[in-house]
Amino acid sequence: MEGTNPVNKKLAAALSGGAVLVLALTGCSSDEGNKELDAWAKKVCDTVPAQNTKITAAYDAITKAAKDTTSTPKELQKADSQAFQDLSDGYKARASVLDNAGAPPGVDGGAKKQQDAVTKLTALSSAYADLKKQVDGLDTKDQGKFATGLKEVSAEMRKMESQRQSALGALKSLEEGDTKQALNDQAGCKKASASASAAATDS
C-alpha cells in the first residue's frame, strides 16, 4: 500500500545514524592486565554480539518495511511491532548484563557510571515497549487512520532520539580509561565493534 509507505519511511529515518549501542569501541588494546577488571569486562562483552545482532536486525526490519511498497497496514503493523519488541528486549538485556556485572573494579566513579548506563538503557527499553503498544493499537482497517497513527509513532521516535543519545553517552562514559582497554581486549566486544563498523560502512 503506497499510501502508508511514505509515513513508515519516517520511522526508518528516525532510526538512522549510529543506531546500535555497542560500547563505542576503538580497537586499541591494553598493555597491562587487571584481572578483576578483565573479568568484569568479560561478563559485559560475552553477550554483546547476540544483543547487537538482535538490535541491528530490529532496525533493519523497520527499514525494510519502510521500503516495501506492497506491504499492507496489517503487515507493516506486524513488522514494526516485532521490531519494537526486539529493540525493547535488546536494550533490556544490555541493561541487565551491566546491572549484574556491577561496577567496574578499581575505576574512579565506576559505580555511578555503571548505574547511569543501566538506568538509561532500562528507560530506553521501556520507551520501545511503549511504542510497540502504540503500534499494536493502530487501526489497520482504515488506511487514513493507520497513516495518522504511524505519524504519531514517528513523532514519538523523533522525541526518543535524545533519549537514545543519552544512553549512548552513558555507555561511552562507562568505557573511558582502563575500562575501555579491558573491554577492547574481550572477543565479544571486538566482534560487536567490527560488526558495527561494517554496518556503518554499508549504510
C-alpha atoms as a PDB file:
ATOM      1  CA  MET A   1       0.000   0.000   0.000  1.00  0.00           C
ATOM      2  CA  GLU A   2       1.877   3.039  -1.205  1.00  0.00           C
ATOM      3  CA  GLY A   3      -0.329   5.315   0.819  1.00  0.00           C
ATOM      4  CA  THR A   4       1.085   4.054   4.096  1.00  0.00           C
ATOM      5  CA  ASN A   5       4.681   3.622   2.967  1.00  0.00           C
ATOM      6  CA  PRO A   6       5.912   7.266   2.993  1.00  0.00           C
ATOM      7  CA  VAL A   7       4.796   7.603   6.594  1.00  0.00           C
ATOM      8  CA  ASN A   8       6.588   4.433   7.584  1.00  0.00           C
ATOM      9  CA  LYS A   9       9.776   5.741   5.967  1.00  0.00           C
ATOM     10  CA  LYS A  10       9.855   8.364   8.687  1.00  0.00           C
ATOM     11  CA  LEU A  11      10.254   5.541  11.192  1.00  0.00           C
ATOM     12  CA  ALA A  12      13.325   4.303   9.345  1.00  0.00           C
ATOM     13  CA  ALA A  13      14.729   7.826   9.083  1.00  0.00           C
ATOM     14  CA  ALA A  14      14.338   8.295  12.824  1.00  0.00           C
ATOM     15  CA  LEU A  15      16.478   5.209  13.379  1.00  0.00           C
ATOM     16  CA  SER A  16      19.316   6.080  11.036  1.00  0.00           C
ATOM     17  CA  GLY A  17      22.749   7.240  12.082  1.00  0.00           C
ATOM     18  CA  GLY A  18      24.566   5.064  14.601  1.00  0.00           C
ATOM     19  CA  ALA A  19      21.505   3.252  15.791  1.00  0.00           C
ATOM     20  CA  VAL A  20      23.246   0.428  17.618  1.00  0.00           C
ATOM     21  CA  LEU A  21      24.789   0.932  21.027  1.00  0.00           C
ATOM     22  CA  VAL A  22      27.910  -1.210  21.149  1.00  0.00           C
ATOM     23  CA  LEU A  23      30.075   0.383  23.844  1.00  0.00           C
ATOM     24  CA  ALA A  24      31.750   2.572  21.166  1.00  0.00           C
ATOM     25  CA  LEU A  25      34.988   0.654  20.949  1.00  0.00           C
ATOM     26  CA  THR A  26      38.093   1.935  19.176  1.00  0.00           C
ATOM     27  CA  GLY A  27      40.126  -1.235  18.756  1.00  0.00           C
ATOM     28  CA  CYS A  28      43.082  -0.369  20.960  1.00  0.00           C
ATOM     29  CA  SER A  29      44.346  -2.922  23.468  1.00  0.00           C
ATOM     30  CA  SER A  30      45.767  -2.635  26.967  1.00  0.00           C
ATOM     31  CA  ASP A  31      49.402  -3.184  27.752  1.00  0.00           C
ATOM     32  CA  GLU A  32      48.856  -4.128  31.371  1.00  0.00           C
ATOM     33  CA  GLY A  33      46.258  -6.535  32.684  1.00  0.00           C
ATOM     34  CA  ASN A  34      43.893  -6.003  35.587  1.00  0.00           C
ATOM     35  CA  LYS A  35      42.417  -9.406  36.327  1.00  0.00           C
ATOM     36  CA  GLU A  36      39.393  -8.122  38.236  1.00  0.00           C
ATOM     37  CA  LEU A  37      38.578  -5.522  35.601  1.00  0.00           C
ATOM     38  CA  ASP A  38      39.188  -8.057  32.827  1.00  0.00           C
ATOM     39  CA  ALA A  39      36.746 -10.467  34.499  1.00  0.00           C
ATOM     40  CA  TRP A  40      34.166  -7.662  34.687  1.00  0.00           C
ATOM     41  CA  ALA A  41      34.722  -6.823  31.027  1.00  0.00           C
ATOM     42  CA  LYS A  42      34.240 -10.466  30.059  1.00  0.00           C
ATOM     43  CA  LYS A  43      30.832 -10.506  31.786  1.00  0.00           C
ATOM     44  CA  VAL A  44      29.826  -7.414  29.841  1.00  0.00           C
ATOM     45  CA  CYS A  45      31.198  -8.465  26.462  1.00  0.00           C
ATOM     46  CA  ASP A  46      30.247 -12.147  26.273  1.00  0.00           C
ATOM     47  CA  THR A  47      26.636 -11.389  25.350  1.00  0.00           C
ATOM     48  CA  VAL A  48      27.214  -8.193  23.354  1.00  0.00           C
ATOM     49  CA  PRO A  49      27.324  -9.900  19.913  1.00  0.00           C
ATOM     50  CA  ALA A  50      23.925 -11.556  20.443  1.00  0.00           C
ATOM     51  CA  GLN A  51      22.392  -8.331  21.761  1.00  0.00           C
ATOM     52  CA  ASN A  52      23.934  -6.350  18.923  1.00  0.00           C
ATOM     53  CA  THR A  53      22.560  -8.782  16.351  1.00  0.00           C
ATOM     54  CA  LYS A  54      19.054  -8.543  17.832  1.00  0.00           C
ATOM     55  CA  ILE A  55      19.088  -4.751  17.907  1.00  0.00           C
ATOM     56  CA  THR A  56      20.552  -4.413  14.416  1.00  0.00           C
ATOM     57  CA  ALA A  57      18.049  -6.870  12.954  1.00  0.00           C
ATOM     58  CA  ALA A  58      15.189  -4.911  14.515  1.00  0.00           C
ATOM     59  CA  TYR A  59      16.318  -1.629  12.974  1.00  0.00           C
ATOM     60  CA  ASP A  60      16.821  -3.379   9.631  1.00  0.00           C
ATOM     61  CA  ALA A  61      13.303  -4.832   9.809  1.00  0.00           C
ATOM     62  CA  ILE A  62      11.765  -1.382  10.211  1.00  0.00           C
ATOM     63  CA  THR A  63      13.863  -0.021   7.349  1.00  0.00           C
ATOM     64  CA  LYS A  64      12.901  -2.952   5.132  1.00  0.00           C
ATOM     65  CA  ALA A  65       9.212  -2.482   5.933  1.00  0.00           C
ATOM     66  CA  ALA A  66       9.505   1.189   5.030  1.00  0.00           C
ATOM     67  CA  LYS A  67      10.898   0.365   1.596  1.00  0.00           C
ATOM     68  CA  ASP A  68       8.306  -2.302   0.804  1.00  0.00           C
ATOM     69  CA  THR A  69       5.569  -0.539  -1.167  1.00  0.00           C
ATOM     70  CA  THR A  70       3.494  -3.714  -1.349  1.00  0.00           C
ATOM     71  CA  SER A  71       3.022  -4.096   2.422  1.00  0.00           C
ATOM     72  CA  THR A  72      -0.490  -3.814   3.795  1.00  0.00           C
ATOM     73  CA  PRO A  73      -1.187  -1.870   7.004  1.00  0.00           C
ATOM     74  CA  LYS A  74      -1.511  -5.188   8.834  1.00  0.00           C
ATOM     75  CA  GLU A  75       1.895  -6.331   7.575  1.00  0.00           C
ATOM     76  CA  LEU A  76       3.521  -3.020   8.480  1.00  0.00           C
ATOM     77  CA  GLN A  77       1.970  -3.168  11.921  1.00  0.00           C
ATOM     78  CA  LYS A  78       3.274  -6.698  12.470  1.00  0.00           C
ATOM     79  CA  ALA A  79       6.792  -5.838  11.294  1.00  0.00           C
ATOM     80  CA  ASP A  80       7.072  -2.661  13.351  1.00  0.00           C
ATOM     81  CA  SER A  81       5.522  -4.259  16.416  1.00  0.00           C
ATOM     82  CA  GLN A  82       8.023  -7.125  16.366  1.00  0.00           C
ATOM     83  CA  ALA A  83      10.908  -4.742  15.748  1.00  0.00           C
ATOM     84  CA  PHE A  84       9.959  -2.551  18.692  1.00  0.00           C
ATOM     85  CA  GLN A  85       9.631  -5.649  20.880  1.00  0.00           C
ATOM     86  CA  ASP A  86      13.101  -6.795  19.824  1.00  0.00           C
ATOM     87  CA  LEU A  87      14.569  -3.358  20.482  1.00  0.00           C
ATOM     88  CA  SER A  88      12.972  -3.305  23.907  1.00  0.00           C
ATOM     89  CA  ASP A  89      14.312  -6.781  24.670  1.00  0.00           C
ATOM     90  CA  GLY A  90      17.758  -5.965  23.294  1.00  0.00           C
ATOM     91  CA  TYR A  91      18.271  -2.833  25.368  1.00  0.00           C
ATOM     92  CA  LYS A  92      16.797  -4.513  28.434  1.00  0.00           C
ATOM     93  CA  ALA A  93      19.329  -7.312  28.040  1.00  0.00           C
ATOM     94  CA  ARG A  94      22.159  -4.764  27.797  1.00  0.00           C
ATOM     95  CA  ALA A  95      20.946  -3.109  30.978  1.00  0.00           C
ATOM     96  CA  SER A  96      20.611  -6.437  32.796  1.00  0.00           C
ATOM     97  CA  VAL A  97      24.132  -7.528  31.889  1.00  0.00           C
ATOM     98  CA  LEU A  98      25.616  -4.265  33.125  1.00  0.00           C
ATOM     99  CA  ASP A  99      23.485  -4.409  36.258  1.00  0.00           C
ATOM    100  CA  ASN A 100      24.558  -7.973  37.038  1.00  0.00           C
ATOM    101  CA  ALA A 101      28.210  -7.222  36.284  1.00  0.00           C
ATOM    102  CA  GLY A 102      28.238  -4.449  38.856  1.00  0.00           C
ATOM    103  CA  ALA A 103      30.629  -1.522  38.911  1.00  0.00           C
ATOM    104  CA  PRO A 104      33.959  -1.890  37.073  1.00  0.00           C
ATOM    105  CA  PRO A 105      36.542  -2.744  39.780  1.00  0.00           C
ATOM    106  CA  GLY A 106      39.080  -0.075  40.679  1.00  0.00           C
ATOM    107  CA  VAL A 107      37.615   2.576  38.423  1.00  0.00           C
ATOM    108  CA  ASP A 108      37.009   6.038  39.853  1.00  0.00           C
ATOM    109  CA  GLY A 109      33.325   6.866  39.654  1.00  0.00           C
ATOM    110  CA  GLY A 110      32.699   3.450  38.103  1.00  0.00           C
ATOM    111  CA  ALA A 111      29.636   2.655  40.201  1.00  0.00           C
ATOM    112  CA  LYS A 112      27.920   5.926  39.297  1.00  0.00           C
ATOM    113  CA  LYS A 113      28.701   5.497  35.591  1.00  0.00           C
ATOM    114  CA  GLN A 114      27.511   1.897  35.602  1.00  0.00           C
ATOM    115  CA  GLN A 115      24.223   2.748  37.291  1.00  0.00           C
ATOM    116  CA  ASP A 116      23.692   5.694  34.952  1.00  0.00           C
ATOM    117  CA  ALA A 117      24.090   3.403  31.934  1.00  0.00           C
ATOM    118  CA  VAL A 118      21.764   0.794  33.448  1.00  0.00           C
ATOM    119  CA  THR A 119      19.109   3.403  34.231  1.00  0.00           C
ATOM    120  CA  LYS A 120      19.201   4.974  30.774  1.00  0.00           C
ATOM    121  CA  LEU A 121      19.224   1.661  28.899  1.00  0.00           C
ATOM    122  CA  THR A 122      16.294   0.444  31.002  1.00  0.00           C
ATOM    123  CA  ALA A 123      14.373   3.628  30.232  1.00  0.00           C
ATOM    124  CA  LEU A 124      15.121   3.220  26.510  1.00  0.00           C
ATOM    125  CA  SER A 125      13.858  -0.359  26.643  1.00  0.00           C
ATOM    126  CA  SER A 126      10.622   0.820  28.272  1.00  0.00           C
ATOM    127  CA  ALA A 127      10.202   3.531  25.652  1.00  0.00           C
ATOM    128  CA  TYR A 128      10.383   0.971  22.845  1.00  0.00           C
ATOM    129  CA  ALA A 129       7.922  -1.233  24.695  1.00  0.00           C
ATOM    130  CA  ASP A 130       5.538   1.737  24.781  1.00  0.00           C
ATOM    131  CA  LEU A 131       5.994   2.229  21.029  1.00  0.00           C
ATOM    132  CA  LYS A 132       5.107  -1.413  20.477  1.00  0.00           C
ATOM    133  CA  LYS A 133       1.860  -0.897  22.391  1.00  0.00           C
ATOM    134  CA  GLN A 134       1.166   2.216  20.332  1.00  0.00           C
ATOM    135  CA  VAL A 135       1.730   0.343  17.062  1.00  0.00           C
ATOM    136  CA  ASP A 136      -0.366  -2.609  18.235  1.00  0.00           C
ATOM    137  CA  GLY A 137      -3.252  -0.223  18.849  1.00  0.00           C
ATOM    138  CA  LEU A 138      -3.286   1.223  15.319  1.00  0.00           C
ATOM    139  CA  ASP A 139      -6.405   0.768  13.193  1.00  0.00           C
ATOM    140  CA  THR A 140      -5.244  -1.330  10.225  1.00  0.00           C
ATOM    141  CA  LYS A 141      -8.725  -1.480   8.688  1.00  0.00           C
ATOM    142  CA  ASP A 142      -8.813   2.247   7.973  1.00  0.00           C
ATOM    143  CA  GLN A 143      -5.817   3.345   5.892  1.00  0.00           C
ATOM    144  CA  GLY A 144      -6.295   7.004   6.763  1.00  0.00           C
ATOM    145  CA  LYS A 145      -6.372   6.351  10.491  1.00  0.00           C
ATOM    146  CA  PHE A 146      -3.451   3.968  10.162  1.00  0.00           C
ATOM    147  CA  ALA A 147      -1.339   6.599   8.364  1.00  0.00           C
ATOM    148  CA  THR A 148      -2.213   9.153  11.034  1.00  0.00           C
ATOM    149  CA  GLY A 149      -1.275   6.686  13.740  1.00  0.00           C
ATOM    150  CA  LEU A 150       2.084   5.991  12.097  1.00  0.00           C
ATOM    151  CA  LYS A 151       2.772   9.722  12.002  1.00  0.00           C
ATOM    152  CA  GLU A 152       2.241   9.826  15.749  1.00  0.00           C
ATOM    153  CA  VAL A 153       4.560   6.858  16.253  1.00  0.00           C
ATOM    154  CA  SER A 154       7.174   8.543  14.081  1.00  0.00           C
ATOM    155  CA  ALA A 155       6.893  11.720  16.140  1.00  0.00           C
ATOM    156  CA  GLU A 156       7.438   9.730  19.323  1.00  0.00           C
ATOM    157  CA  MET A 157      10.535   8.120  17.826  1.00  0.00           C
ATOM    158  CA  ARG A 158      11.996  11.506  16.963  1.00  0.00           C
ATOM    159  CA  LYS A 159      11.419  12.592  20.557  1.00  0.00           C
ATOM    160  CA  MET A 160      13.230   9.439  21.679  1.00  0.00           C
ATOM    161  CA  GLU A 161      16.371  10.332  19.747  1.00  0.00           C
ATOM    162  CA  SER A 162      17.707  12.466  22.602  1.00  0.00           C
ATOM    163  CA  GLN A 163      16.978   9.592  24.985  1.00  0.00           C
ATOM    164  CA  ARG A 164      18.900   7.184  22.764  1.00  0.00           C
ATOM    165  CA  GLN A 165      21.810   9.611  22.528  1.00  0.00           C
ATOM    166  CA  SER A 166      21.781   9.958  26.305  1.00  0.00           C
ATOM    167  CA  ALA A 167      22.053   6.177  26.710  1.00  0.00           C
ATOM    168  CA  LEU A 168      24.887   6.097  24.194  1.00  0.00           C
ATOM    169  CA  GLY A 169      26.650   8.871  26.103  1.00  0.00           C
ATOM    170  CA  ALA A 170      26.314   6.923  29.348  1.00  0.00           C
ATOM    171  CA  LEU A 171      27.912   3.877  27.723  1.00  0.00           C
ATOM    172  CA  LYS A 172      30.760   5.972  26.337  1.00  0.00           C
ATOM    173  CA  SER A 173      31.343   7.461  29.771  1.00  0.00           C
ATOM    174  CA  LEU A 174      31.431   3.995  31.321  1.00  0.00           C
ATOM    175  CA  GLU A 175      34.085   2.778  28.881  1.00  0.00           C
ATOM    176  CA  GLU A 176      36.638   5.525  29.465  1.00  0.00           C
ATOM    177  CA  GLY A 177      40.212   4.848  30.556  1.00  0.00           C
ATOM    178  CA  ASP A 178      41.132   1.439  31.950  1.00  0.00           C
ATOM    179  CA  THR A 179      37.591   0.163  31.454  1.00  0.00           C
ATOM    180  CA  LYS A 180      37.860   0.887  27.747  1.00  0.00           C
ATOM    181  CA  GLN A 181      41.093  -1.057  27.479  1.00  0.00           C
ATOM    182  CA  ALA A 182      39.652  -4.028  29.343  1.00  0.00           C
ATOM    183  CA  LEU A 183      36.559  -4.096  27.118  1.00  0.00           C
ATOM    184  CA  ASN A 184      38.645  -3.831  23.953  1.00  0.00           C
ATOM    185  CA  ASP A 185      40.576  -6.933  24.967  1.00  0.00           C
ATOM    186  CA  GLN A 186      37.431  -9.072  25.036  1.00  0.00           C
ATOM    187  CA  ALA A 187      36.500 -11.129  21.986  1.00  0.00           C
ATOM    188  CA  GLY A 188      32.783 -10.355  22.289  1.00  0.00           C
ATOM    189  CA  CYS A 189      33.251  -6.599  22.217  1.00  0.00           C
ATOM    190  CA  LYS A 190      35.814  -6.861  19.409  1.00  0.00           C
ATOM    191  CA  LYS A 191      33.296  -8.823  17.353  1.00  0.00           C
ATOM    192  CA  ALA A 192      30.496  -6.354  18.059  1.00  0.00           C
ATOM    193  CA  SER A 193      32.725  -3.406  17.214  1.00  0.00           C
ATOM    194  CA  ALA A 194      33.746  -4.988  13.901  1.00  0.00           C
ATOM    195  CA  SER A 195      30.104  -5.683  13.032  1.00  0.00           C
ATOM    196  CA  ALA A 196      29.104  -2.110  13.849  1.00  0.00           C
ATOM    197  CA  SER A 197      31.925  -0.729  11.700  1.00  0.00           C
ATOM    198  CA  ALA A 198      30.893  -2.931   8.781  1.00  0.00           C
ATOM    199  CA  ALA A 199      27.273  -1.839   9.143  1.00  0.00           C
ATOM    200  CA  ALA A 200      28.303   1.822   9.182  1.00  0.00           C
ATOM    201  CA  THR A 201      30.360   1.309   6.018  1.00  0.00           C
ATOM    202  CA  ASP A 202      27.470  -0.397   4.212  1.00  0.00           C
ATOM    203  CA  SER A 203      24.892   2.240   5.154  1.00  0.00           C
END
